[in-house]
Protein backbone atom coordinates (compact mmCIF):
# COMPACT_ATOMS: atom_id res chain seq x y z
CA UNK A 1 11.06 -15.21 -18.23
CA UNK A 2 10.74 -13.58 -14.82
CA UNK A 3 8.08 -11.16 -16.08
CA UNK A 4 6.25 -14.03 -17.80
CA UNK A 5 6.32 -16.13 -14.64
CA UNK A 6 5.06 -13.19 -12.58
CA UNK A 7 2.25 -12.67 -15.08
CA UNK A 8 1.16 -16.31 -14.95
CA UNK A 9 1.23 -16.36 -11.14
CA UNK A 10 -0.73 -13.10 -10.95
CA UNK A 11 -3.34 -14.34 -13.42
CA UNK A 12 -3.74 -17.61 -11.52
CA UNK A 13 -4.13 -15.72 -8.25
CA UNK A 14 -6.76 -13.44 -9.77
CA UNK A 15 -8.71 -16.37 -11.19
CA UNK A 16 -8.64 -18.16 -7.82
CA UNK A 17 -9.79 -15.00 -6.05
CA UNK A 18 -12.52 -14.47 -8.64
CA UNK A 19 -13.83 -18.02 -8.12
CA UNK A 20 -13.76 -17.59 -4.33
CA UNK A 21 -15.66 -14.31 -4.59
CA UNK A 22 -18.24 -15.89 -6.90
CA UNK A 23 -18.95 -18.66 -4.38
CA UNK A 24 -19.35 -16.07 -1.62
CA UNK A 25 -21.76 -14.04 -3.72
CA UNK A 26 -19.54 -10.94 -4.01
CA UNK A 27 -17.92 -9.31 -7.08
CA UNK A 28 -14.39 -10.48 -7.82
CA UNK A 29 -11.42 -8.40 -8.99
CA UNK A 30 -11.76 -9.39 -12.66
CA UNK A 31 -15.46 -8.49 -12.70
CA UNK A 32 -15.01 -5.10 -11.03
CA UNK A 33 -12.09 -4.20 -13.27
CA UNK A 34 -13.93 -5.20 -16.46
CA UNK A 35 -16.91 -3.03 -15.46
CA UNK A 36 -14.72 0.07 -15.35
CA UNK A 37 -14.14 -0.15 -19.09
CA UNK A 38 -17.70 1.24 -19.45
CA UNK A 39 -19.11 2.15 -16.03
CA UNK A 40 -17.95 4.94 -13.72
CA UNK A 41 -14.71 3.87 -12.02
CA UNK A 42 -14.31 3.78 -8.27
CA UNK A 43 -11.21 5.99 -8.48
CA UNK A 44 -10.46 8.01 -11.57
CA UNK A 45 -7.31 9.38 -9.93
CA UNK A 46 -5.94 5.85 -9.55
CA UNK A 47 -6.59 5.05 -13.22
CA UNK A 48 -4.74 8.16 -14.35
CA UNK A 49 -1.92 7.33 -11.94
CA UNK A 50 -1.75 3.89 -13.56
CA UNK A 51 -1.65 5.54 -16.99
CA UNK A 52 1.26 7.67 -15.79
CA UNK A 53 3.15 4.49 -14.84
CA UNK A 54 2.47 3.02 -18.27
CA UNK A 55 3.70 6.18 -19.98
CA UNK A 56 7.20 5.89 -18.48
CA UNK A 57 8.05 3.56 -21.41
CA UNK A 58 6.83 6.07 -24.03
CA UNK A 59 8.54 9.02 -25.66
CA UNK A 60 7.38 12.53 -24.79
CA UNK A 61 5.43 12.79 -28.03
CA UNK A 62 3.71 9.46 -27.36
CA UNK A 63 2.92 10.56 -23.82
CA UNK A 64 1.18 13.69 -25.03
CA UNK A 65 -0.83 11.66 -27.55
CA UNK A 66 -1.79 9.10 -24.90
CA UNK A 67 -2.81 11.73 -22.35
CA UNK A 68 -4.82 13.66 -24.95
CA UNK A 69 -6.57 10.48 -26.05
CA UNK A 70 -7.46 9.60 -22.44
CA UNK A 71 -8.91 13.05 -21.77
CA UNK A 72 -10.81 12.99 -25.07
CA UNK A 73 -12.36 9.60 -24.33
CA UNK A 74 -13.38 10.78 -20.86
CA UNK A 75 -15.04 13.85 -22.35
CA UNK A 76 -17.03 11.62 -24.71
CA UNK A 77 -18.13 9.42 -21.79
CA UNK A 78 -19.09 12.54 -19.82
CA UNK A 79 -21.18 13.95 -22.68
CA UNK A 80 -22.93 10.61 -23.29
CA UNK A 81 -23.78 10.21 -19.61
CA UNK A 82 -25.05 13.77 -19.43
CA UNK A 83 -27.16 13.36 -22.58
CA UNK A 84 -28.64 10.04 -21.47
CA UNK A 85 -29.15 11.02 -17.84
CA UNK A 86 -26.85 8.27 -16.54
CA UNK A 87 -24.48 10.50 -14.58
CA UNK A 88 -23.00 8.25 -11.85
CA UNK A 89 -24.26 8.56 -8.30
CA UNK A 90 -21.15 6.70 -7.10
CA UNK A 91 -17.63 6.62 -8.43
CA UNK A 92 -15.78 9.18 -10.50
CA UNK A 93 -17.07 10.73 -13.73
CA UNK A 94 -13.62 10.29 -15.29
CA UNK A 95 -10.98 7.57 -15.54
CA UNK A 96 -12.43 5.31 -18.25
CA UNK A 97 -10.27 7.04 -20.84
CA UNK A 98 -7.08 6.26 -18.92
CA UNK A 99 -7.99 2.57 -18.78
CA UNK A 100 -8.81 2.53 -22.50
CA UNK A 101 -5.44 4.07 -23.36
CA UNK A 102 -3.54 1.58 -21.17
CA UNK A 103 -5.26 -1.27 -22.99
CA UNK A 104 -4.63 0.49 -26.30
CA UNK A 105 -0.89 0.70 -25.61
CA UNK A 106 -0.94 -3.05 -25.03
CA UNK A 107 -2.68 -3.64 -28.37
CA UNK A 108 -0.17 -1.41 -30.17
CA UNK A 109 2.72 -3.26 -28.53
CA UNK A 110 1.38 -6.63 -29.71
CA UNK A 111 0.44 -5.59 -33.24
CA UNK A 112 2.81 -2.77 -34.22
CA UNK A 113 6.03 -3.35 -32.26
CA UNK A 114 8.66 -6.07 -32.21
CA UNK A 115 11.69 -7.06 -30.23
CA UNK A 116 12.87 -5.13 -27.16
CA UNK A 117 10.49 -2.24 -27.87
CA UNK A 118 7.48 -4.55 -27.66
CA UNK A 119 8.76 -6.11 -24.43
CA UNK A 120 9.34 -2.71 -22.84
CA UNK A 121 5.86 -1.45 -23.79
CA UNK A 122 4.23 -4.60 -22.46
CA UNK A 123 6.13 -4.18 -19.19
CA UNK A 124 4.76 -0.65 -18.93
CA UNK A 125 1.21 -1.87 -19.57
CA UNK A 126 1.66 -4.62 -17.02
CA UNK A 127 2.94 -2.15 -14.44
CA UNK A 128 -0.06 0.14 -14.94
CA UNK A 129 -2.58 -2.69 -14.84
CA UNK A 130 -0.94 -4.21 -11.78
CA UNK A 131 -1.60 -1.05 -9.79
CA UNK A 132 -5.29 -1.06 -10.77
CA UNK A 133 -5.65 -4.80 -10.29
CA UNK A 134 -3.92 -4.60 -6.92
CA UNK A 135 -6.59 -2.15 -5.76
CA UNK A 136 -9.39 -4.42 -6.99
CA UNK A 137 -7.74 -7.45 -5.43
CA UNK A 138 -7.51 -5.64 -2.10
CA UNK A 139 -11.19 -4.67 -2.25
CA UNK A 140 -12.15 -8.30 -2.88
CA UNK A 141 -9.93 -9.51 -0.05
CA UNK A 142 -11.66 -7.12 2.34
CA UNK A 143 -15.06 -8.43 1.35
CA UNK A 144 -13.83 -12.00 1.81
CA UNK A 145 -12.62 -11.23 5.35
CA UNK A 146 -16.03 -9.84 6.28
CA UNK A 147 -17.81 -12.91 4.93
CA UNK A 148 -15.52 -15.61 6.31
CA UNK A 149 -14.46 -14.21 9.71
CA UNK A 150 -17.60 -13.76 11.86
CA UNK A 151 -15.56 -13.18 15.06
CA UNK A 152 -13.17 -10.27 15.58
CA UNK A 153 -10.34 -9.82 18.08
CA UNK A 154 -10.74 -6.11 18.82
CA UNK A 155 -10.98 -6.53 22.61
CA UNK A 156 -7.51 -8.12 22.60
CA UNK A 157 -6.03 -5.27 20.56
CA UNK A 158 -7.80 -2.63 22.67
CA UNK A 159 -6.27 -4.13 25.83
CA UNK A 160 -2.80 -4.32 24.25
CA UNK A 161 -3.19 -0.73 23.10
CA UNK A 162 -3.37 0.40 26.74
CA UNK A 163 0.41 -0.08 26.77
CA UNK A 164 0.70 2.83 24.32
CA UNK A 165 -1.93 4.96 26.07
CA UNK A 166 -4.69 4.21 23.53
CA UNK A 167 -3.46 6.77 20.95
CA UNK A 168 -6.51 6.35 18.71
CA UNK A 169 -8.74 7.79 21.45
CA UNK A 170 -6.48 10.82 21.86
CA UNK A 171 -6.09 11.35 18.10
CA UNK A 172 -9.84 11.05 17.62
CA UNK A 173 -10.52 13.87 20.08
CA UNK A 174 -7.81 16.04 18.51
CA UNK A 175 -9.18 15.49 15.02
CA UNK A 176 -12.70 16.33 16.17
CA UNK A 177 -11.37 19.56 17.69
CA UNK A 178 -9.69 20.47 14.37
CA UNK A 179 -13.09 20.76 12.70
CA UNK A 180 -14.12 19.91 9.13
CA UNK A 181 -10.96 21.41 7.56
CA UNK A 182 -8.64 18.99 9.33
CA UNK A 183 -10.97 16.07 8.76
CA UNK A 184 -11.28 16.69 5.01
CA UNK A 185 -7.53 17.21 4.61
CA UNK A 186 -6.61 13.96 6.38
CA UNK A 187 -9.35 12.04 4.60
CA UNK A 188 -7.96 13.16 1.23
CA UNK A 189 -4.42 12.15 2.21
CA UNK A 190 -5.65 8.76 3.38
CA UNK A 191 -7.73 8.08 0.26
CA UNK A 192 -5.09 9.16 -2.28
CA UNK A 193 -2.20 7.15 -0.87
CA UNK A 194 -1.75 5.22 -4.13
CA UNK A 195 -1.48 8.46 -6.09
CA UNK A 196 1.29 9.64 -3.73
CA UNK A 197 3.09 6.34 -4.31
CA UNK A 198 2.90 6.85 -8.07
CA UNK A 199 4.52 10.29 -7.72
CA UNK A 200 7.54 8.69 -6.02
CA UNK A 201 7.55 5.81 -8.52
CA UNK A 202 7.52 8.23 -11.46
CA UNK A 203 10.67 9.86 -10.12
CA UNK A 204 12.34 6.46 -9.83
CA UNK A 205 11.21 5.40 -13.32
CA UNK A 206 11.90 8.73 -15.04
CA UNK A 207 14.75 7.31 -17.19
CA UNK A 208 13.05 4.10 -18.36
CA UNK A 209 12.25 5.36 -21.86
CA UNK A 210 15.77 6.69 -22.40
CA UNK A 211 17.59 3.66 -21.00
CA UNK A 212 15.10 1.12 -22.45
CA UNK A 213 14.99 -0.82 -19.20
CA UNK A 214 13.42 -0.70 -15.74
CA UNK A 215 15.57 -0.21 -12.62
CA UNK A 216 16.23 -3.30 -10.56
CA UNK A 217 14.09 -2.11 -7.64
CA UNK A 218 11.38 0.52 -7.34
CA UNK A 219 8.46 1.45 -5.12
CA UNK A 220 5.70 -0.28 -7.08
CA UNK A 221 7.14 -3.73 -6.36
CA UNK A 222 7.05 -3.23 -2.60
CA UNK A 223 3.66 -1.53 -2.77
CA UNK A 224 2.08 -4.46 -4.60
CA UNK A 225 3.72 -7.18 -2.49
CA UNK A 226 2.48 -5.53 0.70
CA UNK A 227 -1.03 -5.54 -0.79
CA UNK A 228 -0.77 -9.25 -1.62
CA UNK A 229 0.68 -10.46 1.70
CA UNK A 230 -1.15 -8.18 4.11
CA UNK A 231 -4.70 -9.52 3.63
CA UNK A 232 -3.44 -13.01 4.46
CA UNK A 233 -2.73 -11.72 7.98
CA UNK A 234 -6.25 -10.27 8.10
CA UNK A 235 -7.58 -13.79 7.71
CA UNK A 236 -5.50 -14.93 10.70
CA UNK A 237 -6.06 -11.87 12.86
CA UNK A 238 -9.47 -10.27 12.08
CA UNK A 239 -9.86 -6.79 13.59
CA UNK A 240 -12.32 -4.05 12.54
CA UNK A 241 -10.93 -1.03 14.43
CA UNK A 242 -12.05 1.23 17.30
CA UNK A 243 -14.51 3.24 15.18
CA UNK A 244 -16.55 0.08 14.67
CA UNK A 245 -15.84 -2.10 17.70
CA UNK A 246 -16.03 0.77 20.22
CA UNK A 247 -17.65 3.58 18.26
CA UNK A 248 -20.88 4.71 16.61
CA UNK A 249 -20.19 3.00 13.26
CA UNK A 250 -20.50 -0.43 14.85
CA UNK A 251 -24.19 -0.03 15.69
CA UNK A 252 -25.55 -2.81 17.84
CA UNK A 253 -22.50 -4.96 16.96
CA UNK A 254 -20.16 -2.67 18.91
CA UNK A 255 -18.81 -3.86 22.25
CA UNK A 256 -19.67 -0.42 23.65
CA UNK A 257 -19.99 3.15 22.37
CA UNK A 258 -16.78 4.52 23.90
CA UNK A 259 -14.61 5.91 21.09
CA UNK A 260 -13.14 8.52 21.30
CA UNK A 261 -14.35 9.99 24.61
CA UNK A 262 -14.00 7.08 27.05
CA UNK A 263 -11.15 4.59 27.21
CA UNK A 264 -12.14 0.91 27.14
CA UNK A 265 -11.96 -0.57 30.64
CA UNK A 266 -9.25 -3.09 31.45
CA UNK A 267 -10.99 -6.45 31.41
CA UNK A 268 -10.43 -9.98 30.20
CA UNK A 269 -10.67 -9.85 26.39
CA UNK A 270 -12.64 -12.24 24.24
CA UNK A 271 -13.53 -12.62 20.57
CA UNK A 272 -16.79 -10.90 19.66
CA UNK A 273 -19.15 -11.46 16.71
CA UNK A 274 -19.47 -8.73 14.13
CA UNK A 275 -21.47 -8.02 10.99
CA UNK A 276 -20.79 -9.57 7.59
CA UNK A 277 -20.05 -6.24 5.89
CA UNK A 278 -17.23 -4.45 7.74
CA UNK A 279 -13.75 -5.53 6.56
CA UNK A 280 -11.43 -7.07 9.13
CA UNK A 281 -8.49 -5.02 7.87
CA UNK A 282 -6.66 -3.57 10.86
CA UNK A 283 -3.85 -5.94 11.78
CA UNK A 284 -1.41 -4.88 10.48
CA UNK A 285 -2.18 -1.37 9.24
CA UNK A 286 -1.40 -1.63 5.53
CA UNK A 287 -1.94 2.11 5.06
CA UNK A 288 0.87 2.60 7.56
CA UNK A 289 2.98 0.01 5.73
CA UNK A 290 2.40 1.71 2.37
CA UNK A 291 3.08 5.19 3.77
CA UNK A 292 6.28 3.85 5.35
CA UNK A 293 7.33 2.46 1.98
CA UNK A 294 6.70 5.84 0.34
CA UNK A 295 8.87 7.41 3.03
CA UNK A 296 11.68 4.89 2.48
CA UNK A 297 11.77 5.32 -1.29
CA UNK A 298 11.50 9.10 -1.17
CA UNK A 299 14.78 9.33 0.79
CA UNK A 300 16.83 9.10 -2.43
CA UNK A 301 14.89 11.86 -4.17
CA UNK A 302 15.26 15.65 -4.18
CA UNK A 303 14.41 17.73 -1.13
CA UNK A 304 10.80 18.37 -2.22
CA UNK A 305 10.18 14.64 -2.65
CA UNK A 306 11.72 13.84 0.72
CA UNK A 307 9.52 16.44 2.42
CA UNK A 308 6.44 15.09 0.63
CA UNK A 309 7.26 11.53 1.72
CA UNK A 310 7.66 12.65 5.32
CA UNK A 311 4.42 14.63 5.21
CA UNK A 312 2.46 11.72 3.75
CA UNK A 313 3.73 9.34 6.41
CA UNK A 314 2.84 11.69 9.29
CA UNK A 315 -0.55 12.59 7.81
CA UNK A 316 -1.39 8.93 7.16
CA UNK A 317 -0.54 7.98 10.74
CA UNK A 318 -2.69 10.84 12.00
CA UNK A 319 -5.59 9.79 9.76
CA UNK A 320 -5.47 6.11 10.68
CA UNK A 321 -5.65 6.95 14.36
CA UNK A 322 -7.80 10.08 14.21
CA UNK A 323 -10.61 8.52 12.22
CA UNK A 324 -10.63 5.47 14.50
CA UNK A 325 -9.70 3.02 11.76
CA UNK A 326 -6.68 1.57 13.60
CA UNK A 327 -5.22 1.03 17.03
CA UNK A 328 -1.72 2.18 17.93
CA UNK A 329 -0.33 -1.35 18.00
CA UNK A 330 -1.59 -1.83 14.42
CA UNK A 331 0.75 0.94 13.30
CA UNK A 332 3.78 -0.63 14.97
CA UNK A 333 3.04 -3.93 13.26
CA UNK A 334 2.58 -2.10 9.94
CA UNK A 335 6.00 -0.44 10.15
CA UNK A 336 7.74 -3.74 10.95
CA UNK A 337 5.83 -5.42 8.12
CA UNK A 338 6.85 -2.74 5.60
CA UNK A 339 10.56 -2.82 6.45
CA UNK A 340 10.60 -6.63 6.35
CA UNK A 341 8.98 -6.78 2.91
CA UNK A 342 11.27 -4.03 1.59
CA UNK A 343 14.32 -5.90 2.88
CA UNK A 344 13.13 -9.15 1.32
CA UNK A 345 12.83 -7.58 -2.13
CA UNK A 346 16.22 -5.89 -1.91
CA UNK A 347 17.77 -9.14 -0.68
CA UNK A 348 16.25 -11.00 -3.62
CA UNK A 349 17.81 -8.47 -6.00
CA UNK A 350 21.22 -9.09 -4.43
CA UNK A 351 21.00 -12.87 -4.77
CA UNK A 352 19.88 -13.59 -1.20
CA UNK A 353 22.67 -11.76 0.55
CA UNK A 354 23.46 -13.16 4.02
CA UNK A 355 22.99 -9.84 5.81
CA UNK A 356 19.64 -9.37 4.08
CA UNK A 357 18.48 -12.87 4.96
CA UNK A 358 19.32 -12.28 8.62
CA UNK A 359 17.29 -9.08 8.66
CA UNK A 360 14.33 -10.68 6.85
CA UNK A 361 14.34 -13.48 9.40
CA UNK A 362 14.63 -11.03 12.28
CA UNK A 363 11.82 -8.82 10.97
CA UNK A 364 9.58 -11.85 10.48
CA UNK A 365 10.25 -13.02 14.05
CA UNK A 366 9.55 -9.56 15.47
CA UNK A 367 6.31 -9.33 13.51
CA UNK A 368 5.21 -12.78 14.71
CA UNK A 369 6.11 -11.95 18.33
CA UNK A 370 4.03 -8.77 18.11
CA UNK A 371 0.97 -10.67 16.90
CA UNK A 372 1.40 -13.37 19.55
CA UNK A 373 1.85 -10.77 22.29
CA UNK A 374 -1.29 -8.89 21.25
CA UNK A 375 -3.23 -12.15 21.36
CA UNK A 376 -1.92 -13.80 24.52
CA UNK A 377 -0.49 -10.98 26.68
CA UNK A 378 -2.98 -8.10 26.31
CA UNK A 379 -3.86 -7.91 30.02
CA UNK A 380 -0.20 -7.89 31.03
CA UNK A 381 0.48 -5.16 28.45
CA UNK A 382 -2.37 -3.07 29.87
CA UNK A 383 -1.21 -3.64 33.47
CA UNK A 384 2.47 -2.79 32.84
CA UNK A 385 2.58 -0.06 30.20
CA UNK A 386 5.89 1.26 31.61
CA UNK A 387 7.46 -2.06 30.53
CA UNK A 388 5.65 -3.01 27.34
CA UNK A 389 5.49 0.42 25.67
CA UNK A 390 9.31 0.72 25.51
CA UNK A 391 9.56 -2.92 24.41
CA UNK A 392 7.13 -2.36 21.53
CA UNK A 393 8.88 0.79 20.39
CA UNK A 394 12.34 -0.79 20.75
CA UNK A 395 11.24 -3.83 18.73
CA UNK A 396 10.06 -1.57 15.90
CA UNK A 397 13.16 0.65 16.12
CA UNK A 398 15.46 -2.38 16.03
CA UNK A 399 14.02 -3.45 12.65
CA UNK A 400 14.32 0.08 11.27
CA UNK A 401 17.90 0.38 12.55
CA UNK A 402 18.77 -3.03 11.13
CA UNK A 403 17.46 -1.98 7.73
CA UNK A 404 19.46 1.25 7.72
CA UNK A 405 22.63 -0.55 8.78
CA UNK A 406 22.17 -3.27 6.15
CA UNK A 407 21.55 -0.71 3.42
CA UNK A 408 24.77 1.06 4.38
CA UNK A 409 26.62 -2.26 4.07
CA UNK A 410 25.17 -2.76 0.60
CA UNK A 411 26.00 0.67 -0.70
CA UNK A 412 29.02 0.66 -2.92
CA UNK A 413 31.96 2.45 -1.41
CA UNK A 414 33.62 4.97 -3.71
CA UNK A 415 36.76 3.60 -5.29
CA UNK A 416 39.53 6.18 -5.77
CA UNK A 417 40.68 6.65 -9.31
CA UNK A 418 44.04 5.05 -10.05
CA UNK A 419 46.93 7.48 -9.96
CA UNK A 420 48.50 8.15 -13.32
CA UNK A 421 52.03 6.81 -13.62
CA UNK A 422 54.59 9.39 -14.78
CA UNK A 423 55.47 8.89 -18.43
CA UNK A 424 59.16 8.81 -19.36
CA UNK A 425 60.28 11.69 -21.48
CA UNK A 426 60.91 10.75 -25.10
CA UNK A 427 64.54 10.43 -26.08
CA UNK A 428 65.90 13.29 -28.16
């Protein structure tokens, strides 16, 4: 019933978003996803990552058949496009096959399976499609923010960022000094964040086929919920980022062409108009939130997975700042946001545990206080960095510490095995 309710809610949300996009004259998530059945997908890697999630419910033989079918279908698409001269200028030349196989598994589950096996296969299909649909939903949300929020609050965030020493300006100069190798490496890490998340999720879901059930909590749940809730904050707090508001990408809409060589001067901030194309997707940094979630969930894995989770978090933070897509205060808000959402899901699994509820409430308050401070105290934050920088970092650290302490409380303590009572010797 829970999966059915989640499916109905998700479908209703998608339909509402599709209708909103239609009235704004932009493609909706259902339209863009349906196109990828035939046309070149935006991300072939994401579609194959989604197929990998679906395959956790299959046996090894079925996985090999599914993967072979996906590759074969992609080869057919590639040959047809080459023969007809319709090779895509944008998007990936592969990925359609993965989507076809995901849909095919769903058809097989409905027509050839019954009982628990059908339910498990449909859950796998739903998990794979949710990852793809979440990406399309996010893309539509970003377009909606650009169409419905003509004013942006970047000057407020830039002033508040003085408390942290404007790290995006420093990271931008360092990345430029690293040359094309560093830029390409960080760009790849930033773009393939969902694929990294799937690698961690596959480790968590590795026993689904054998146990015939999904674990109570895994990375994909947090990943998707962050993607659903985050854009709602974008609508409240529209920010485009230093690359656009203070850099060359903003064109004549930019406040000034300062990033990354010259720090923005301390002055009274005000909302500024911006174009109807650039997404207002900075506050909070969802890439930071997602990378933080990958880091959290990789802690229970083997050493290689833990190192990969740490690397992806550090590289994502470097990319968000170095490319000028986020301010430093965006990252702090993103970390608090991620830990609060993660705690909420774990608390839900435990039946709304009191310790979890306290931490969810505390994280929500800290997140709200951060947003309010960025909006109404930016000049004070710029004037007294020695005070506000420690406060910002302590606020973030307090949520992280609270999460770690709460998790330790939830962990089951080992119970010693009962001592065997001595047996009386049998009478002779």
